[in-house]
Amino acid sequence: MASALLIAPEIADKNMTVIWIGGRDYPSGGWEYNLKNDIAAANVVFKSKVNLWQVPRNVYRMMPVSLAELINRVYPCGEIGKYLAENVIRFNNASVSRPTEYRILGDSPSIGLMLYDDCGKWTWQPAPEIGENMTYIHNGKNRPIRVYETIDSRFILEDLYAKLNMMKNQ
């Protein structure tokens, strides 16, 4: 998005919404995996006029799923269900420093918000600038953005399970 805005800033005037899964909790900010990948790009988007909805870390972490839930609800849903469950479980087991029986499906809020924009509690906040240490700088220079404070994980997960079941029966 940042590259597109730098090349053609007028796209910020289009009727569109950007959903960003990233950043740390408000009001302070701080280290966060998605943000650390490109702080400069985040600042371009935050300083732009594009309609932005932010789902910070404390919210996207509201998307836990147990491995047993994946086995019971996803695995039986045909080849795609088996593929998804096995890969999440394999990735989880290979990437954590200690065994866990859950995985945070942290990118999923974007799907839920596209389906239902009130899929959580949100407030308008002036878009901060982001410092090199990933803290938020609240200088009041940027337009308001929608910042989610909660997300309805059951709505999102049940929609996923229902759609996988529908695919299984096709």
C-alpha atoms as a PDB file:
ATOM      1  CA  MET A   1       0.000   0.000   0.000  1.00  0.00           C
ATOM      2  CA  ALA A   2       2.817   2.383   0.848  1.00  0.00           C
ATOM      3  CA  SER A   3       4.450   1.853  -2.549  1.00  0.00           C
ATOM      4  CA  ALA A   4       1.139   2.479  -4.309  1.00  0.00           C
ATOM      5  CA  LEU A   5       0.602   5.683  -2.315  1.00  0.00           C
ATOM      6  CA  LEU A   6       4.102   6.919  -3.095  1.00  0.00           C
ATOM      7  CA  ILE A   7       3.671   6.240  -6.825  1.00  0.00           C
ATOM      8  CA  ALA A   8       0.097   7.544  -7.088  1.00  0.00           C
ATOM      9  CA  PRO A   9      -0.942   9.513  -3.970  1.00  0.00           C
ATOM     10  CA  GLU A  10      -4.330  10.288  -5.546  1.00  0.00           C
ATOM     11  CA  ILE A  11      -5.453   6.720  -4.861  1.00  0.00           C
ATOM     12  CA  ALA A  12      -5.970   7.809  -1.237  1.00  0.00           C
ATOM     13  CA  ASP A  13      -8.999   9.766  -2.513  1.00  0.00           C
ATOM     14  CA  LYS A  14     -10.651   6.606  -3.864  1.00  0.00           C
ATOM     15  CA  ASN A  15     -13.550   5.030  -2.007  1.00  0.00           C
ATOM     16  CA  MET A  16     -11.567   2.207  -0.403  1.00  0.00           C
ATOM     17  CA  THR A  17     -10.556   0.972   3.000  1.00  0.00           C
ATOM     18  CA  VAL A  18      -7.183  -0.430   4.004  1.00  0.00           C
ATOM     19  CA  ILE A  19      -7.154  -2.908   6.890  1.00  0.00           C
ATOM     20  CA  TRP A  20      -3.805  -3.224   8.628  1.00  0.00           C
ATOM     21  CA  ILE A  21      -3.103  -6.101  10.982  1.00  0.00           C
ATOM     22  CA  GLY A  22      -0.214  -4.697  12.960  1.00  0.00           C
ATOM     23  CA  GLY A  23       1.197  -2.305  15.475  1.00  0.00           C
ATOM     24  CA  ARG A  24       1.201  -2.609  19.223  1.00  0.00           C
ATOM     25  CA  ASP A  25      -1.490  -1.618  21.720  1.00  0.00           C
ATOM     26  CA  TYR A  26      -2.663   1.982  22.064  1.00  0.00           C
ATOM     27  CA  PRO A  27      -1.640   4.492  23.175  1.00  0.00           C
ATOM     28  CA  SER A  28       2.052   3.556  23.448  1.00  0.00           C
ATOM     29  CA  GLY A  29       2.838   1.207  20.581  1.00  0.00           C
ATOM     30  CA  GLY A  30       6.114  -0.691  20.731  1.00  0.00           C
ATOM     31  CA  TRP A  31       7.738  -3.713  19.146  1.00  0.00           C
ATOM     32  CA  GLU A  32       5.422  -5.750  16.937  1.00  0.00           C
ATOM     33  CA  TYR A  33       6.228  -8.369  14.303  1.00  0.00           C
ATOM     34  CA  ASN A  34       4.304  -6.915  11.333  1.00  0.00           C
ATOM     35  CA  LEU A  35       5.419  -3.351  12.029  1.00  0.00           C
ATOM     36  CA  LYS A  36       9.095  -4.238  12.377  1.00  0.00           C
ATOM     37  CA  ASN A  37       9.108  -5.423   8.758  1.00  0.00           C
ATOM     38  CA  ASP A  38       8.733  -1.869   7.417  1.00  0.00           C
ATOM     39  CA  ILE A  39       8.258   1.075   9.782  1.00  0.00           C
ATOM     40  CA  ALA A  40       8.762   3.566   6.946  1.00  0.00           C
ATOM     41  CA  ALA A  41       5.942   1.973   4.923  1.00  0.00           C
ATOM     42  CA  ALA A  42       3.606   2.086   7.920  1.00  0.00           C
ATOM     43  CA  ASN A  43       4.371   5.797   8.332  1.00  0.00           C
ATOM     44  CA  VAL A  44       3.543   6.458   4.664  1.00  0.00           C
ATOM     45  CA  VAL A  45       0.126   4.841   5.116  1.00  0.00           C
ATOM     46  CA  PHE A  46      -0.519   6.496   8.494  1.00  0.00           C
ATOM     47  CA  LYS A  47       0.344   9.941   7.095  1.00  0.00           C
ATOM     48  CA  SER A  48      -1.803   9.458   3.976  1.00  0.00           C
ATOM     49  CA  LYS A  49      -5.494  10.278   3.566  1.00  0.00           C
ATOM     50  CA  VAL A  50      -6.495   6.656   2.867  1.00  0.00           C
ATOM     51  CA  ASN A  51      -9.339   5.264   4.986  1.00  0.00           C
ATOM     52  CA  LEU A  52      -7.434   3.049   7.431  1.00  0.00           C
ATOM     53  CA  TRP A  53      -8.631   0.481   9.943  1.00  0.00           C
ATOM     54  CA  GLN A  54      -5.935  -0.789  12.296  1.00  0.00           C
ATOM     55  CA  VAL A  55      -6.108  -4.098  14.148  1.00  0.00           C
ATOM     56  CA  PRO A  56      -3.263  -3.899  16.692  1.00  0.00           C
ATOM     57  CA  ARG A  57      -1.549  -6.854  18.344  1.00  0.00           C
ATOM     58  CA  ASN A  58      -3.720  -6.968  21.466  1.00  0.00           C
ATOM     59  CA  VAL A  59      -6.740  -7.411  19.169  1.00  0.00           C
ATOM     60  CA  TYR A  60      -5.400  -9.832  16.555  1.00  0.00           C
ATOM     61  CA  ARG A  61      -4.203 -12.035  19.410  1.00  0.00           C
ATOM     62  CA  MET A  62      -7.900 -12.569  20.247  1.00  0.00           C
ATOM     63  CA  MET A  63      -7.914 -15.198  17.466  1.00  0.00           C
ATOM     64  CA  PRO A  64      -6.589 -18.322  19.210  1.00  0.00           C
ATOM     65  CA  VAL A  65      -7.599 -21.746  17.989  1.00  0.00           C
ATOM     66  CA  SER A  66      -6.693 -24.963  19.720  1.00  0.00           C
ATOM     67  CA  LEU A  67      -5.061 -27.761  17.772  1.00  0.00           C
ATOM     68  CA  ALA A  68      -7.900 -30.032  18.895  1.00  0.00           C
ATOM     69  CA  GLU A  69     -10.365 -27.552  17.404  1.00  0.00           C
ATOM     70  CA  LEU A  70      -8.481 -27.651  14.095  1.00  0.00           C
ATOM     71  CA  ILE A  71      -8.512 -31.438  14.114  1.00  0.00           C
ATOM     72  CA  ASN A  72     -12.244 -31.586  14.935  1.00  0.00           C
ATOM     73  CA  ARG A  73     -13.549 -28.664  12.865  1.00  0.00           C
ATOM     74  CA  VAL A  74     -11.140 -28.194   9.928  1.00  0.00           C
ATOM     75  CA  TYR A  75      -9.427 -31.529   9.228  1.00  0.00           C
ATOM     76  CA  PRO A  76     -12.669 -33.380   8.307  1.00  0.00           C
ATOM     77  CA  CYS A  77     -13.541 -30.768   5.642  1.00  0.00           C
ATOM     78  CA  GLY A  78     -12.171 -32.535   2.596  1.00  0.00           C
ATOM     79  CA  GLU A  79      -8.736 -32.141   1.069  1.00  0.00           C
ATOM     80  CA  ILE A  80      -8.555 -28.403   1.790  1.00  0.00           C
ATOM     81  CA  GLY A  81      -9.461 -28.944   5.455  1.00  0.00           C
ATOM     82  CA  LYS A  82      -6.902 -31.690   5.834  1.00  0.00           C
ATOM     83  CA  TYR A  83      -4.264 -29.520   4.130  1.00  0.00           C
ATOM     84  CA  LEU A  84      -5.005 -26.465   6.287  1.00  0.00           C
ATOM     85  CA  ALA A  85      -5.105 -28.348   9.600  1.00  0.00           C
ATOM     86  CA  GLU A  86      -1.967 -30.365   8.900  1.00  0.00           C
ATOM     87  CA  ASN A  87       0.003 -27.310   7.772  1.00  0.00           C
ATOM     88  CA  VAL A  88      -0.996 -25.121  10.705  1.00  0.00           C
ATOM     89  CA  ILE A  89      -0.150 -27.918  13.143  1.00  0.00           C
ATOM     90  CA  ARG A  90       3.162 -28.650  11.383  1.00  0.00           C
ATOM     91  CA  PHE A  91       4.100 -24.948  11.311  1.00  0.00           C
ATOM     92  CA  ASN A  92       3.111 -24.520  14.948  1.00  0.00           C
ATOM     93  CA  ASN A  93       5.172 -27.488  16.072  1.00  0.00           C
ATOM     94  CA  ALA A  94       8.221 -26.379  14.064  1.00  0.00           C
ATOM     95  CA  SER A  95       8.168 -22.688  14.917  1.00  0.00           C
ATOM     96  CA  VAL A  96       7.590 -22.425  18.642  1.00  0.00           C
ATOM     97  CA  SER A  97      10.235 -22.684  21.295  1.00  0.00           C
ATOM     98  CA  ARG A  98       7.989 -24.809  23.475  1.00  0.00           C
ATOM     99  CA  PRO A  99       5.123 -27.139  22.616  1.00  0.00           C
ATOM    100  CA  THR A 100       1.742 -25.431  22.616  1.00  0.00           C
ATOM    101  CA  GLU A 101      -1.744 -26.653  21.862  1.00  0.00           C
ATOM    102  CA  TYR A 102      -2.934 -23.472  20.165  1.00  0.00           C
ATOM    103  CA  ARG A 103      -2.179 -21.143  17.296  1.00  0.00           C
ATOM    104  CA  ILE A 104      -3.121 -17.474  16.976  1.00  0.00           C
ATOM    105  CA  LEU A 105      -4.805 -16.939  13.589  1.00  0.00           C
ATOM    106  CA  GLY A 106      -3.851 -13.267  13.739  1.00  0.00           C
ATOM    107  CA  ASP A 107      -4.461 -12.320  10.108  1.00  0.00           C
ATOM    108  CA  SER A 108      -8.066 -13.552  10.243  1.00  0.00           C
ATOM    109  CA  PRO A 109      -9.615 -10.335  11.630  1.00  0.00           C
ATOM    110  CA  SER A 110      -9.190  -8.739   8.199  1.00  0.00           C
ATOM    111  CA  ILE A 111     -11.556 -11.348   6.728  1.00  0.00           C
ATOM    112  CA  GLY A 112     -14.078 -10.831   9.521  1.00  0.00           C
ATOM    113  CA  LEU A 113     -13.974  -7.057   9.043  1.00  0.00           C
ATOM    114  CA  MET A 114     -14.509  -7.379   5.306  1.00  0.00           C
ATOM    115  CA  LEU A 115     -17.584  -9.497   6.037  1.00  0.00           C
ATOM    116  CA  TYR A 116     -18.893  -7.389   8.914  1.00  0.00           C
ATOM    117  CA  ASP A 117     -17.217  -4.083   9.756  1.00  0.00           C
ATOM    118  CA  ASP A 118     -18.714  -4.033  13.260  1.00  0.00           C
ATOM    119  CA  CYS A 119     -17.098  -7.378  14.036  1.00  0.00           C
ATOM    120  CA  GLY A 120     -15.535  -5.765  17.073  1.00  0.00           C
ATOM    121  CA  LYS A 121     -15.442  -2.621  19.153  1.00  0.00           C
ATOM    122  CA  TRP A 122     -13.496   0.273  17.666  1.00  0.00           C
ATOM    123  CA  THR A 123     -12.765   3.962  18.221  1.00  0.00           C
ATOM    124  CA  TRP A 124     -11.524   6.798  16.066  1.00  0.00           C
ATOM    125  CA  GLN A 125      -7.952   7.753  16.926  1.00  0.00           C
ATOM    126  CA  PRO A 126      -5.738  10.360  15.249  1.00  0.00           C
ATOM    127  CA  ALA A 127      -3.228   8.345  13.229  1.00  0.00           C
ATOM    128  CA  PRO A 128       0.076   8.489  15.069  1.00  0.00           C
ATOM    129  CA  GLU A 129       3.482   8.638  13.521  1.00  0.00           C
ATOM    130  CA  ILE A 130       5.683   5.693  14.349  1.00  0.00           C
ATOM    131  CA  GLY A 131       9.135   6.142  15.821  1.00  0.00           C
ATOM    132  CA  GLU A 132      12.190   4.030  15.031  1.00  0.00           C
ATOM    133  CA  ASN A 133      11.571   2.068  18.236  1.00  0.00           C
ATOM    134  CA  MET A 134       7.982   1.398  17.025  1.00  0.00           C
ATOM    135  CA  THR A 135       6.356   3.581  19.660  1.00  0.00           C
ATOM    136  CA  TYR A 136       3.456   5.812  18.637  1.00  0.00           C
ATOM    137  CA  ILE A 137       4.056   9.542  18.409  1.00  0.00           C
ATOM    138  CA  HIS A 138       0.759  11.347  18.958  1.00  0.00           C
ATOM    139  CA  ASN A 139       1.357  14.739  17.362  1.00  0.00           C
ATOM    140  CA  GLY A 140      -2.186  15.320  16.044  1.00  0.00           C
ATOM    141  CA  LYS A 141      -0.974  15.937  12.479  1.00  0.00           C
ATOM    142  CA  ASN A 142      -2.761  13.005  10.801  1.00  0.00           C
ATOM    143  CA  ARG A 143      -6.398  12.230  10.080  1.00  0.00           C
ATOM    144  CA  PRO A 144      -8.396   9.874  12.322  1.00  0.00           C
ATOM    145  CA  ILE A 145      -8.243   6.141  11.715  1.00  0.00           C
ATOM    146  CA  ARG A 146     -10.444   3.348  13.018  1.00  0.00           C
ATOM    147  CA  VAL A 147      -8.578   1.387  15.696  1.00  0.00           C
ATOM    148  CA  TYR A 148     -10.118  -1.873  16.817  1.00  0.00           C
ATOM    149  CA  GLU A 149     -10.132  -2.660  20.524  1.00  0.00           C
ATOM    150  CA  THR A 150     -11.825  -6.076  20.280  1.00  0.00           C
ATOM    151  CA  ILE A 151     -12.727  -8.592  17.596  1.00  0.00           C
ATOM    152  CA  ASP A 152     -15.455 -11.257  17.506  1.00  0.00           C
ATOM    153  CA  SER A 153     -13.288 -14.335  17.052  1.00  0.00           C
ATOM    154  CA  ARG A 154     -16.223 -16.741  17.211  1.00  0.00           C
ATOM    155  CA  PHE A 155     -17.977 -14.995  14.302  1.00  0.00           C
ATOM    156  CA  ILE A 156     -14.811 -15.252  12.204  1.00  0.00           C
ATOM    157  CA  LEU A 157     -13.969 -18.851  13.126  1.00  0.00           C
ATOM    158  CA  GLU A 158     -17.540 -20.136  12.794  1.00  0.00           C
ATOM    159  CA  ASP A 159     -17.758 -18.515   9.348  1.00  0.00           C
ATOM    160  CA  LEU A 160     -14.532 -20.317   8.364  1.00  0.00           C
ATOM    161  CA  TYR A 161     -15.827 -23.654   9.652  1.00  0.00           C
ATOM    162  CA  ALA A 162     -19.189 -23.222   7.907  1.00  0.00           C
ATOM    163  CA  LYS A 163     -17.540 -22.365   4.582  1.00  0.00           C
ATOM    164  CA  LEU A 164     -15.159 -25.300   4.824  1.00  0.00           C
ATOM    165  CA  ASN A 165     -18.127 -27.584   5.527  1.00  0.00           C
ATOM    166  CA  MET A 166     -19.973 -26.175   2.505  1.00  0.00           C
ATOM    167  CA  MET A 167     -16.931 -26.893   0.319  1.00  0.00           C
ATOM    168  CA  LYS A 168     -16.686 -30.421   1.677  1.00  0.00           C
ATOM    169  CA  ASN A 169     -20.214 -31.155   0.543  1.00  0.00           C
ATOM    170  CA  GLN A 170     -19.733 -29.857  -3.010  1.00  0.00           C
END
